[in-house]
Amino acid sequence: MAALDRAMLHLCFAGALRACELVGLCIGDLHMQPYASLVIHGNGRRQRCSPLWKEALKAWLAVRGTVATPEVFINARGEAMARSGFQYILRRHTKAAS
């Protein structure tokens, strides 16, 4: 499984994120020290914090590199990934698992 797919699926399920919350995550929402956590901006401007599995996210960030886009998850063009991009990844993995 690619680093992008692993990181997105981990965050989605471990953090109980909606697809729009996942693709809307920005680098500033990630906190790796002292404990890996994530600030999630949900509906109605509510925020919540979720612990992270650091390894999946570190692997993706190493592949992602430095890009001007503030969003954590980007597409092949270096732009913020759309919700449909994540839905494609999710659909592909659920199909492979069945």
Protein backbone atom coordinates (compact mmCIF):
# COMPACT_ATOMS: atom_id res chain seq x y z
CA MET A 1 0.00 0.00 0.00
CA ALA A 2 1.37 3.42 -0.94
CA ALA A 3 2.35 5.89 1.79
CA LEU A 4 -0.43 8.29 0.77
CA ASP A 5 -3.11 5.61 0.92
CA ARG A 6 -1.86 4.26 4.26
CA ALA A 7 -1.74 7.71 5.87
CA MET A 8 -5.18 8.73 4.58
CA LEU A 9 -6.88 5.50 5.60
CA HIS A 10 -5.22 5.52 9.01
CA LEU A 11 -6.23 9.09 9.78
CA CYS A 12 -9.74 8.59 8.47
CA PHE A 13 -10.47 5.56 10.61
CA ALA A 14 -8.33 6.24 13.69
CA GLY A 15 -9.49 9.83 13.92
CA ALA A 16 -13.10 9.15 12.85
CA LEU A 17 -12.77 11.85 10.20
CA ARG A 18 -15.28 12.71 7.53
CA ALA A 19 -13.87 12.79 4.01
CA CYS A 20 -14.08 16.59 3.88
CA GLU A 21 -12.26 16.88 7.23
CA LEU A 22 -9.52 14.56 6.00
CA VAL A 23 -8.79 16.34 2.71
CA GLY A 24 -9.04 19.72 4.47
CA LEU A 25 -6.25 18.96 6.97
CA CYS A 26 -3.40 21.44 6.89
CA ILE A 27 0.20 20.97 7.96
CA GLY A 28 -0.44 23.34 10.89
CA ASP A 29 -3.09 20.94 12.23
CA LEU A 30 -0.45 18.25 12.85
CA HIS A 31 1.44 18.19 16.12
CA MET A 32 4.23 15.61 16.31
CA GLN A 33 5.80 16.62 19.65
CA PRO A 34 5.61 15.57 22.45
CA TYR A 35 2.85 13.20 21.34
CA ALA A 36 1.55 12.89 17.81
CA SER A 37 -1.89 14.46 17.58
CA LEU A 38 -4.16 16.16 15.12
CA VAL A 39 -6.49 19.14 15.46
CA ILE A 40 -9.67 18.47 13.49
CA HIS A 41 -11.86 21.35 12.36
CA GLY A 42 -15.35 19.89 12.18
CA ASN A 43 -18.83 21.18 11.56
CA GLY A 44 -19.86 24.41 13.25
CA ARG A 45 -16.25 25.51 13.81
CA ARG A 46 -15.87 22.85 16.49
CA GLN A 47 -12.41 21.49 17.06
CA ARG A 48 -11.36 18.16 18.48
CA CYS A 49 -8.02 16.50 19.02
CA SER A 50 -7.14 12.95 17.99
CA PRO A 51 -4.00 10.87 18.68
CA LEU A 52 -2.03 9.67 15.66
CA TRP A 53 0.01 6.70 14.60
CA LYS A 54 3.16 8.63 13.78
CA GLU A 55 4.80 6.16 11.40
CA ALA A 56 2.11 6.25 8.69
CA LEU A 57 2.05 10.03 8.71
CA LYS A 58 5.86 10.40 8.79
CA ALA A 59 6.17 8.09 5.77
CA TRP A 60 3.69 10.21 3.79
CA LEU A 61 5.26 13.52 4.80
CA ALA A 62 8.68 12.24 3.68
CA VAL A 63 7.24 11.39 0.25
CA ARG A 64 5.20 14.61 0.08
CA GLY A 65 8.27 16.79 0.57
CA THR A 66 8.03 20.57 0.64
CA VAL A 67 5.11 21.85 -1.38
CA ALA A 68 3.57 25.32 -1.24
CA THR A 69 0.11 23.83 -0.69
CA PRO A 70 -0.77 23.93 3.04
CA GLU A 71 -3.00 20.84 2.89
CA VAL A 72 -1.48 17.58 4.13
CA PHE A 73 -2.81 15.47 1.27
CA ILE A 74 -2.00 16.53 -2.26
CA ASN A 75 -2.63 15.04 -5.69
CA ALA A 76 -0.10 14.29 -8.45
CA ARG A 77 -0.22 17.94 -9.60
CA GLY A 78 0.79 19.19 -6.13
CA GLU A 79 -2.67 20.64 -5.44
CA ALA A 80 -4.92 19.94 -2.47
CA MET A 81 -6.60 16.57 -2.91
CA ALA A 82 -10.32 16.77 -3.58
CA ARG A 83 -12.88 14.71 -1.71
CA SER A 84 -13.41 12.64 -4.85
CA GLY A 85 -9.70 11.72 -4.82
CA PHE A 86 -10.03 10.20 -1.37
CA GLN A 87 -13.26 8.46 -2.36
CA TYR A 88 -11.37 6.86 -5.27
CA ILE A 89 -8.63 5.60 -2.93
CA LEU A 90 -11.19 4.25 -0.46
CA ARG A 91 -13.19 2.54 -3.20
CA ARG A 92 -10.06 0.93 -4.65
CA HIS A 93 -9.04 -0.55 -1.29
CA THR A 94 -12.51 -1.76 -0.33
CA LYS A 95 -12.78 -3.48 -3.70
CA ALA A 96 -9.39 -5.15 -3.21
CA ALA A 97 -10.38 -6.30 0.29
CA SER A 98 -13.64 -7.91 -0.81
